N, C-alpha and C. Protein backbone atom coordinates (compact mmCIF):
# COMPACT_ATOMS: atom_id res chain seq x y z
N UNK A 1 -66.09 33.56 21.54
CA UNK A 1 -65.88 32.15 22.02
C UNK A 1 -66.13 32.24 23.73
N UNK A 2 -66.95 31.45 24.17
CA UNK A 2 -67.07 31.23 25.47
C UNK A 2 -66.05 30.54 25.77
N UNK A 3 -65.38 31.08 27.13
CA UNK A 3 -64.33 30.12 27.62
C UNK A 3 -65.11 29.41 28.76
N UNK A 4 -65.93 28.25 28.65
CA UNK A 4 -66.58 27.51 29.43
C UNK A 4 -66.71 25.89 28.83
N UNK A 5 -66.40 24.95 29.94
CA UNK A 5 -66.32 23.73 29.67
C UNK A 5 -67.65 23.22 30.21
N UNK A 6 -68.37 21.94 29.49
CA UNK A 6 -69.39 21.36 30.03
C UNK A 6 -68.90 19.88 30.25
N UNK A 7 -69.45 19.36 31.54
CA UNK A 7 -69.04 18.10 31.77
C UNK A 7 -70.18 17.42 32.49
N UNK A 8 -70.14 16.16 32.47
CA UNK A 8 -71.28 15.44 33.19
C UNK A 8 -70.63 15.05 34.74
N UNK A 9 -71.51 15.95 35.66
CA UNK A 9 -71.35 15.28 37.07
C UNK A 9 -72.26 14.34 37.70
N UNK A 10 -71.26 13.36 38.00
CA UNK A 10 -71.67 12.01 38.59
C UNK A 10 -72.51 12.57 39.74
N UNK A 11 -73.95 12.37 39.85
CA UNK A 11 -74.95 12.31 40.98
C UNK A 11 -75.91 11.62 40.78
N UNK A 12 -76.85 11.36 41.52
CA UNK A 12 -77.85 10.66 41.37
C UNK A 12 -78.74 10.55 39.96
N UNK A 13 -78.98 11.79 39.18
CA UNK A 13 -79.24 12.19 37.93
C UNK A 13 -78.14 12.89 37.32
N UNK A 14 -77.46 12.01 36.22
CA UNK A 14 -76.46 12.78 35.74
C UNK A 14 -76.97 14.06 34.86
N UNK A 15 -76.16 15.07 35.27
CA UNK A 15 -76.48 16.77 34.88
C UNK A 15 -75.41 17.35 34.26
N UNK A 16 -75.46 18.18 33.48
CA UNK A 16 -74.30 19.01 32.85
C UNK A 16 -74.03 20.29 33.66
N UNK A 17 -72.66 20.47 33.98
CA UNK A 17 -72.43 21.53 34.93
C UNK A 17 -71.53 22.16 33.87
N UNK A 18 -71.73 23.76 34.12
CA UNK A 18 -70.82 24.50 33.27
C UNK A 18 -69.58 25.19 34.26
N UNK A 19 -68.36 25.20 33.64
CA UNK A 19 -67.40 25.56 34.62
C UNK A 19 -66.48 26.64 33.72
N UNK A 20 -66.76 27.90 34.53
CA UNK A 20 -65.86 29.07 33.62
C UNK A 20 -64.37 28.78 33.78
N UNK A 21 -63.47 28.70 32.79
CA UNK A 21 -62.45 28.44 32.76
C UNK A 21 -61.56 29.65 33.26
N UNK A 22 -62.37 30.77 33.43
CA UNK A 22 -61.47 32.24 33.83
C UNK A 22 -61.37 32.22 35.30
N UNK A 23 -62.35 31.31 35.87
CA UNK A 23 -62.32 31.35 37.34
C UNK A 23 -61.31 30.13 38.03
N UNK A 24 -60.62 29.49 37.35
CA UNK A 24 -59.92 28.62 37.75
C UNK A 24 -58.66 29.44 38.46
N UNK A 25 -58.35 29.03 39.72
CA UNK A 25 -57.34 29.81 40.50
C UNK A 25 -55.85 29.36 39.98
N UNK A 26 -55.61 28.15 39.73
CA UNK A 26 -54.53 27.50 39.01
C UNK A 26 -54.71 27.12 37.93
N UNK A 27 -53.31 27.34 37.05
CA UNK A 27 -53.75 26.60 35.67
C UNK A 27 -52.12 25.74 35.46
N UNK A 28 -52.36 25.12 34.46
CA UNK A 28 -50.78 24.04 34.18
C UNK A 28 -49.84 25.23 33.92
N UNK A 29 -48.64 24.98 34.45
CA UNK A 29 -47.47 25.69 34.42
C UNK A 29 -46.99 25.82 32.99
N UNK A 30 -46.83 26.92 32.54
CA UNK A 30 -46.21 26.99 31.12
C UNK A 30 -44.85 27.69 31.09
N UNK A 31 -44.38 28.52 31.90
CA UNK A 31 -43.26 29.34 32.10
C UNK A 31 -42.70 29.07 33.39
N UNK A 32 -41.29 29.48 33.34
CA UNK A 32 -40.45 29.77 34.43
C UNK A 32 -41.04 30.84 35.68
N UNK A 33 -41.61 31.97 34.90
CA UNK A 33 -41.94 32.85 35.91
C UNK A 33 -43.03 32.34 36.69
N UNK A 34 -44.28 31.66 35.83
CA UNK A 34 -45.43 31.22 36.57
C UNK A 34 -44.76 30.19 38.00
N UNK A 35 -44.13 29.31 37.28
CA UNK A 35 -43.28 28.27 37.97
C UNK A 35 -42.87 28.96 39.47
N UNK A 36 -42.06 30.21 39.29
CA UNK A 36 -41.47 30.70 40.47
C UNK A 36 -42.62 31.14 41.48
N UNK A 37 -43.64 31.77 40.58
CA UNK A 37 -44.83 32.32 41.39
C UNK A 37 -45.36 30.95 42.31
N UNK A 38 -45.99 30.08 41.52
CA UNK A 38 -46.64 28.79 42.42
C UNK A 38 -45.70 28.30 43.34
N UNK A 39 -44.37 28.31 43.24
CA UNK A 39 -43.50 27.87 44.16
C UNK A 39 -43.56 28.72 45.42
N UNK A 40 -43.21 30.09 45.23
CA UNK A 40 -43.46 31.16 46.51
C UNK A 40 -44.81 30.85 47.04
N UNK A 41 -45.89 30.70 46.36
CA UNK A 41 -47.33 30.81 46.86
C UNK A 41 -47.15 29.52 47.68
N UNK A 42 -46.97 28.21 47.27
CA UNK A 42 -46.79 27.24 48.01
C UNK A 42 -45.99 27.24 49.04
N UNK A 43 -45.27 27.50 49.10
CA UNK A 43 -44.09 27.97 50.42
C UNK A 43 -44.97 28.69 51.33
N UNK A 44 -45.59 29.88 51.14
CA UNK A 44 -46.56 30.17 51.86
C UNK A 44 -47.70 29.56 52.60
N UNK A 45 -48.15 28.87 51.62
CA UNK A 45 -49.33 28.09 52.20
C UNK A 45 -48.89 27.01 52.89
N UNK A 46 -47.80 26.26 52.93
CA UNK A 46 -47.02 25.35 53.54
C UNK A 46 -47.09 25.73 55.14
N UNK A 47 -46.65 26.96 54.95
CA UNK A 47 -46.28 27.60 56.45
C UNK A 47 -47.38 28.19 57.09
N UNK A 48 -48.48 28.15 56.62
CA UNK A 48 -49.65 28.84 57.08
C UNK A 48 -50.06 28.18 58.51
N UNK A 49 -50.24 28.78 59.46
CA UNK A 49 -50.78 28.03 60.65
C UNK A 49 -52.20 27.52 60.51
N UNK A 50 -52.87 28.22 59.98
CA UNK A 50 -54.24 27.96 59.92
C UNK A 50 -54.63 27.18 58.69
N UNK A 51 -54.41 25.80 58.52
CA UNK A 51 -54.48 24.93 57.50
C UNK A 51 -56.09 24.24 57.70
N UNK A 52 -56.83 24.48 56.76
CA UNK A 52 -58.08 24.22 56.48
C UNK A 52 -58.13 23.00 55.51
N UNK A 53 -59.00 22.43 55.14
CA UNK A 53 -59.35 21.19 54.16
C UNK A 53 -59.09 22.27 52.70
N UNK A 54 -59.62 23.15 52.65
CA UNK A 54 -59.63 23.77 51.11
C UNK A 54 -58.05 24.36 50.96
N UNK A 55 -57.44 24.76 52.14
CA UNK A 55 -55.92 25.00 52.04
C UNK A 55 -55.32 23.70 51.39
N UNK A 56 -55.29 22.77 52.32
CA UNK A 56 -54.70 21.51 52.12
C UNK A 56 -54.95 21.02 50.52
N UNK A 57 -56.14 21.49 50.18
CA UNK A 57 -56.37 20.65 48.45
C UNK A 57 -55.42 21.71 47.91
N UNK A 58 -55.51 23.20 48.03
CA UNK A 58 -54.65 23.88 47.27
C UNK A 58 -53.09 23.34 47.15
N UNK A 59 -52.58 23.17 48.34
CA UNK A 59 -51.10 22.77 48.72
C UNK A 59 -51.15 21.34 47.75
N UNK A 60 -52.21 20.62 47.56
CA UNK A 60 -51.87 19.36 46.94
C UNK A 60 -51.67 19.48 45.26
N UNK A 61 -52.70 20.51 45.10
CA UNK A 61 -52.82 20.97 43.67
C UNK A 61 -51.50 21.58 42.97
N UNK A 62 -51.10 22.53 43.89
CA UNK A 62 -49.84 23.24 43.68
C UNK A 62 -48.37 22.51 43.70
N UNK A 63 -48.42 21.27 44.71
CA UNK A 63 -47.59 20.36 44.85
C UNK A 63 -47.53 19.48 43.25
N UNK A 64 -48.75 19.19 42.81
CA UNK A 64 -48.74 18.47 41.49
C UNK A 64 -48.59 19.24 40.41
N UNK A 65 -48.93 20.36 40.14
CA UNK A 65 -48.69 21.05 39.13
C UNK A 65 -47.06 21.46 39.19
N UNK A 66 -46.50 21.69 40.18
CA UNK A 66 -45.17 21.97 40.29
C UNK A 66 -44.30 20.70 39.70
N UNK A 67 -44.68 19.45 40.41
CA UNK A 67 -43.72 18.16 40.27
C UNK A 67 -44.02 18.02 38.54
N UNK A 68 -45.19 18.30 38.17
CA UNK A 68 -45.36 18.09 36.83
C UNK A 68 -44.46 18.93 36.00
N UNK A 69 -44.54 20.18 36.00
CA UNK A 69 -43.56 21.12 35.38
C UNK A 69 -42.21 20.44 35.80
N UNK A 70 -41.61 20.14 36.82
CA UNK A 70 -40.40 19.76 37.09
C UNK A 70 -39.84 18.40 36.38
N UNK A 71 -40.99 17.63 36.28
CA UNK A 71 -40.83 16.55 35.43
C UNK A 71 -40.76 16.71 33.74
N UNK A 72 -41.26 17.91 33.35
CA UNK A 72 -41.38 17.87 31.99
C UNK A 72 -40.11 19.02 31.63
N UNK A 73 -39.81 19.72 32.47
CA UNK A 73 -38.53 20.43 32.18
C UNK A 73 -37.22 19.94 32.64
N UNK A 74 -37.26 19.14 33.75
CA UNK A 74 -36.13 18.58 34.12
C UNK A 74 -35.22 19.45 34.95
N UNK A 75 -36.25 20.24 35.88
CA UNK A 75 -35.69 21.33 36.37
C UNK A 75 -34.69 20.65 37.39
N UNK A 76 -34.67 19.47 38.07
CA UNK A 76 -33.77 19.23 39.22
C UNK A 76 -32.57 18.21 38.56
N UNK A 77 -32.94 17.90 37.14
CA UNK A 77 -31.97 17.02 36.50
C UNK A 77 -30.59 17.40 36.76
N UNK A 78 -30.43 18.66 36.71
CA UNK A 78 -28.92 19.26 36.59
C UNK A 78 -28.36 19.93 38.02
N UNK A 79 -29.06 19.82 38.79
CA UNK A 79 -29.03 20.39 40.30
C UNK A 79 -28.37 19.16 41.09
N UNK A 80 -27.10 19.34 41.64
CA UNK A 80 -26.46 18.44 42.40
C UNK A 80 -27.12 18.35 43.60
N UNK A 81 -27.04 17.29 44.36
CA UNK A 81 -27.95 17.23 45.89
C UNK A 81 -27.41 18.38 46.62
N UNK A 82 -26.12 18.59 47.12
CA UNK A 82 -25.72 19.50 48.03
C UNK A 82 -26.38 20.62 47.98
N UNK A 83 -25.92 21.17 46.65
CA UNK A 83 -26.34 22.65 46.36
C UNK A 83 -27.99 22.88 46.53
N UNK A 84 -28.71 21.58 45.97
CA UNK A 84 -29.97 21.85 45.99
C UNK A 84 -30.42 21.82 47.72
N UNK A 85 -29.98 21.00 48.56
CA UNK A 85 -30.08 21.01 49.89
C UNK A 85 -30.01 22.30 50.59
N UNK A 86 -28.57 23.00 50.18
CA UNK A 86 -28.28 24.32 51.17
C UNK A 86 -29.29 25.20 50.51
N UNK A 87 -29.76 25.18 49.28
CA UNK A 87 -30.72 26.01 48.58
C UNK A 87 -31.79 26.13 49.41
N UNK A 88 -32.66 24.86 49.61
CA UNK A 88 -33.65 24.66 50.38
C UNK A 88 -33.71 25.09 51.85
N UNK A 89 -32.37 24.80 52.36
CA UNK A 89 -32.39 25.22 53.75
C UNK A 89 -32.40 26.54 53.93
N UNK A 90 -31.79 27.39 52.76
CA UNK A 90 -31.83 29.08 52.64
C UNK A 90 -33.25 29.28 52.76
N UNK A 91 -34.02 28.65 51.92
CA UNK A 91 -35.40 28.97 51.36
C UNK A 91 -36.32 28.62 52.47
N UNK A 92 -36.10 27.79 53.57
CA UNK A 92 -36.73 27.33 54.72
C UNK A 92 -36.12 28.06 56.12
N UNK A 93 -35.06 28.68 55.70
CA UNK A 93 -34.54 29.53 57.13
C UNK A 93 -33.97 28.23 58.12
N UNK A 94 -33.63 27.37 57.49
CA UNK A 94 -32.74 26.10 58.24
C UNK A 94 -31.59 26.22 58.67
N UNK A 95 -31.05 26.02 59.74
CA UNK A 95 -29.44 25.65 59.91
C UNK A 95 -29.14 24.31 59.85
N UNK A 96 -28.00 24.07 60.00
CA UNK A 96 -27.26 22.65 60.07
C UNK A 96 -28.36 21.97 61.42
N UNK A 97 -28.26 22.82 62.46
CA UNK A 97 -28.59 21.96 63.62
C UNK A 97 -30.13 21.75 63.46
N UNK A 98 -31.06 22.56 62.87
CA UNK A 98 -32.06 22.29 62.56
C UNK A 98 -32.65 20.80 61.42
N UNK A 99 -31.51 20.82 60.42
CA UNK A 99 -31.66 19.83 59.84
C UNK A 99 -31.29 18.42 60.31
N UNK A 100 -30.37 18.62 61.12
CA UNK A 100 -29.93 17.36 62.17
C UNK A 100 -31.04 16.77 63.03
N UNK A 101 -31.91 17.63 63.59
CA UNK A 101 -33.36 17.38 63.97
C UNK A 101 -34.28 16.87 63.04
N UNK A 102 -34.35 17.25 61.90
CA UNK A 102 -35.54 16.88 60.84
C UNK A 102 -34.99 15.44 60.83
N UNK A 103 -33.58 15.08 60.54
CA UNK A 103 -33.18 13.88 59.64
C UNK A 103 -32.92 13.03 60.75
N UNK A 104 -33.15 13.70 62.12
CA UNK A 104 -32.80 12.74 63.22
C UNK A 104 -31.16 12.20 63.39
N UNK A 105 -30.36 12.92 63.08
CA UNK A 105 -28.83 12.57 62.91
C UNK A 105 -27.81 13.71 63.59
N UNK A 106 -26.90 13.39 63.64
CA UNK A 106 -25.82 14.60 64.50
C UNK A 106 -25.45 15.54 63.71
N UNK A 107 -25.26 16.56 64.31
CA UNK A 107 -24.99 18.02 63.49
C UNK A 107 -23.45 17.55 62.61
N UNK A 108 -22.74 16.82 63.52
CA UNK A 108 -21.61 16.33 62.61
C UNK A 108 -21.84 15.79 61.26
N UNK A 109 -22.64 14.73 61.44
CA UNK A 109 -23.12 13.98 60.09
C UNK A 109 -23.61 15.16 59.06
N UNK A 110 -24.35 15.96 59.61
CA UNK A 110 -24.91 17.00 58.72
C UNK A 110 -23.85 17.79 58.00
N UNK A 111 -23.14 18.13 58.96
CA UNK A 111 -21.77 19.33 58.62
C UNK A 111 -21.02 18.48 57.47
N UNK A 112 -20.82 17.05 57.70
CA UNK A 112 -20.13 16.23 56.76
C UNK A 112 -20.76 16.29 55.52
N UNK A 113 -21.79 16.16 55.41
CA UNK A 113 -22.76 15.91 54.52
C UNK A 113 -22.61 17.40 53.26
N UNK A 114 -22.74 18.33 54.00
CA UNK A 114 -22.81 19.80 53.36
C UNK A 114 -21.52 20.30 52.91
N UNK A 115 -20.48 19.47 53.56
CA UNK A 115 -19.15 19.83 53.30
C UNK A 115 -18.61 18.50 52.23
N UNK A 116 -19.28 17.91 51.74
CA UNK A 116 -18.89 16.74 50.44
C UNK A 116 -17.98 16.12 51.31
N UNK A 117 -18.15 15.72 52.76
CA UNK A 117 -17.19 14.76 53.39
C UNK A 117 -17.82 13.36 53.01
N UNK A 118 -19.42 13.33 53.39
CA UNK A 118 -20.02 12.08 53.38
C UNK A 118 -21.28 12.11 52.60
N UNK A 119 -21.78 10.98 51.94
CA UNK A 119 -22.71 11.17 51.12
C UNK A 119 -23.98 11.01 51.72
N UNK A 120 -25.17 11.07 51.19
CA UNK A 120 -26.33 11.11 51.60
C UNK A 120 -26.71 9.42 51.69
N UNK A 121 -27.38 8.87 52.77
CA UNK A 121 -27.87 7.70 53.02
C UNK A 121 -29.22 7.74 52.50
N UNK A 122 -29.71 6.45 52.28
CA UNK A 122 -30.94 6.07 51.71
C UNK A 122 -32.08 6.76 52.74
N UNK A 123 -31.53 6.40 54.02
CA UNK A 123 -32.75 7.11 54.89
C UNK A 123 -32.82 8.48 55.01
N UNK A 124 -31.39 9.14 54.77
CA UNK A 124 -31.31 10.68 54.67
C UNK A 124 -32.26 11.18 53.58
N UNK A 125 -32.02 10.55 52.35
CA UNK A 125 -32.71 10.90 51.11
C UNK A 125 -33.86 10.73 51.19
N UNK A 126 -34.60 9.78 51.90
CA UNK A 126 -36.00 9.64 52.22
C UNK A 126 -36.46 10.73 53.04
N UNK A 127 -35.86 11.08 54.02
CA UNK A 127 -36.37 12.13 54.95
C UNK A 127 -36.39 13.47 54.38
N UNK A 128 -35.26 13.55 53.41
CA UNK A 128 -35.25 14.97 52.80
C UNK A 128 -36.50 14.99 51.84
N UNK A 129 -36.70 13.90 51.35
CA UNK A 129 -37.88 13.98 50.35
C UNK A 129 -39.16 14.35 51.04
N UNK A 130 -39.27 13.93 52.02
CA UNK A 130 -40.65 13.71 52.53
C UNK A 130 -40.89 15.35 53.21
N UNK A 131 -39.66 15.83 53.71
CA UNK A 131 -39.40 17.15 54.58
C UNK A 131 -39.80 18.29 53.54
N UNK A 132 -39.20 18.16 52.43
CA UNK A 132 -39.34 19.21 51.46
C UNK A 132 -40.23 18.85 50.50
N UNK A 133 -41.10 17.88 50.46
CA UNK A 133 -42.24 17.31 49.43
C UNK A 133 -41.64 17.39 48.12
N UNK A 134 -40.19 16.75 48.39
CA UNK A 134 -39.96 16.90 46.82
C UNK A 134 -39.35 14.95 46.41
N UNK A 135 -39.32 14.69 45.19
CA UNK A 135 -39.16 13.48 45.11
C UNK A 135 -37.60 12.76 45.52
N UNK A 136 -37.61 11.76 45.94
CA UNK A 136 -36.03 10.86 46.13
C UNK A 136 -35.30 11.47 45.35
N UNK A 137 -35.49 11.19 44.05
CA UNK A 137 -34.68 11.11 42.74
C UNK A 137 -33.89 12.95 43.00
N UNK A 138 -34.32 13.76 43.28
CA UNK A 138 -33.75 15.22 43.50
C UNK A 138 -32.67 14.83 44.36
N UNK A 139 -32.49 14.30 45.32
CA UNK A 139 -31.15 13.93 46.11
C UNK A 139 -30.57 12.97 45.94
N UNK A 140 -30.92 11.57 45.22
CA UNK A 140 -30.56 10.44 44.91
C UNK A 140 -29.68 10.61 43.87
N UNK A 141 -28.79 11.57 43.43
CA UNK A 141 -28.11 11.68 42.31
C UNK A 141 -26.40 11.56 42.82
N UNK A 142 -25.76 11.19 41.56
CA UNK A 142 -24.16 11.22 41.95
C UNK A 142 -23.48 12.35 42.24
N UNK A 143 -22.42 12.49 43.25
CA UNK A 143 -21.89 13.84 43.09
C UNK A 143 -20.38 13.24 43.90
N UNK A 144 -19.48 14.04 43.53
CA UNK A 144 -18.25 13.78 43.99
C UNK A 144 -18.09 14.15 45.41
N UNK A 145 -17.14 13.20 46.42
CA UNK A 145 -17.04 13.53 47.74
C UNK A 145 -15.60 14.02 47.87
N UNK A 146 -15.59 15.07 49.00
CA UNK A 146 -13.98 15.93 49.06
C UNK A 146 -13.69 14.77 50.06
N UNK A 147 -12.93 13.62 49.65
CA UNK A 147 -12.27 12.72 50.53
C UNK A 147 -10.59 12.97 50.70
N UNK A 148 -10.44 13.01 52.16
CA UNK A 148 -9.31 13.62 52.47
C UNK A 148 -8.35 12.32 52.59
N UNK A 149 -7.40 12.07 51.72
CA UNK A 149 -6.48 10.96 51.48
C UNK A 149 -5.38 11.37 52.71
N UNK A 150 -5.12 10.51 53.47
CA UNK A 150 -3.90 10.77 54.47
C UNK A 150 -2.56 10.94 53.63
N UNK A 151 -1.86 11.55 53.81
CA UNK A 151 -0.85 12.22 53.00
C UNK A 151 0.34 10.97 53.55
N UNK A 152 0.70 10.10 52.56
CA UNK A 152 1.71 9.24 52.82
C UNK A 152 3.43 9.99 52.88
N UNK A 153 4.01 9.79 53.62
CA UNK A 153 5.56 10.09 53.79
C UNK A 153 6.22 9.70 52.78
N UNK A 154 7.04 9.97 51.78
CA UNK A 154 8.13 9.82 50.96
C UNK A 154 9.05 9.28 51.87
N UNK A 155 9.50 7.90 51.35
CA UNK A 155 10.43 7.36 52.00
C UNK A 155 11.64 7.89 51.78
N UNK A 156 11.98 8.40 50.82
CA UNK A 156 13.39 8.92 50.32
C UNK A 156 13.58 10.32 51.01
N UNK A 157 12.70 10.85 51.32
CA UNK A 157 12.95 12.22 51.87
C UNK A 157 13.07 11.94 53.38
N UNK A 158 12.25 11.09 53.96
CA UNK A 158 12.58 10.77 55.27
C UNK A 158 13.91 10.50 55.82
N UNK A 159 14.01 10.99 57.09
CA UNK A 159 15.76 10.51 57.38
C UNK A 159 15.75 9.14 58.17
N UNK A 160 15.74 8.03 57.66
CA UNK A 160 15.61 6.91 57.92
C UNK A 160 16.68 5.68 57.57
N UNK A 161 17.95 6.26 57.50
CA UNK A 161 19.21 5.62 57.31
C UNK A 161 19.33 4.65 58.47
N UNK A 162 19.63 3.52 58.00
CA UNK A 162 19.62 2.23 59.58
C UNK A 162 21.10 1.90 58.84
N UNK A 163 21.91 1.76 59.81
CA UNK A 163 23.17 1.11 59.70
C UNK A 163 23.13 -0.23 59.73
N UNK A 164 23.47 -1.03 58.58
CA UNK A 164 23.28 -2.32 58.75
C UNK A 164 24.45 -3.20 59.25
N UNK A 165 24.46 -4.18 59.90
CA UNK A 165 25.54 -4.85 60.02
C UNK A 165 26.17 -5.58 59.04
N UNK A 166 27.56 -5.52 59.21
CA UNK A 166 28.07 -6.39 57.79
C UNK A 166 28.56 -7.54 58.66
N UNK A 167 28.70 -8.96 57.80
CA UNK A 167 28.93 -9.88 58.17
C UNK A 167 30.44 -10.04 58.45
């Protein structure tokens, strides 16, 4: 059995074109191993300094295939936003100050976000999605903040005896 497909190519005169399926560079992702390989390749292509139109098309195709796999398998559905962000920062060799510059916020805010002291704003989520080429839903998930509640002093323990005047 030949592994070719015939389709009509839209030209001035419709003609049949053969495509050899074995020569396709990328295929639909069917395994985690293939997914990881495509993610690594996409990372290399995104950071390639000599981007041609063909390279941009490859990036777009790989991004589509990876997103499709993510949607079908729910790859990001169980990952909380902060561990995901930390992992992406590690993968892209970014430090908190680099992320602050990307997001246009202070280093202190980035530190508070990474330490679960402040949540991600809509604007920060949008910028993270754009920068890391992910859907905003990956960062727009609920997670618990580590809010430090001021300690209230127990009045019974404090030395607050007052002498009351008797009438």
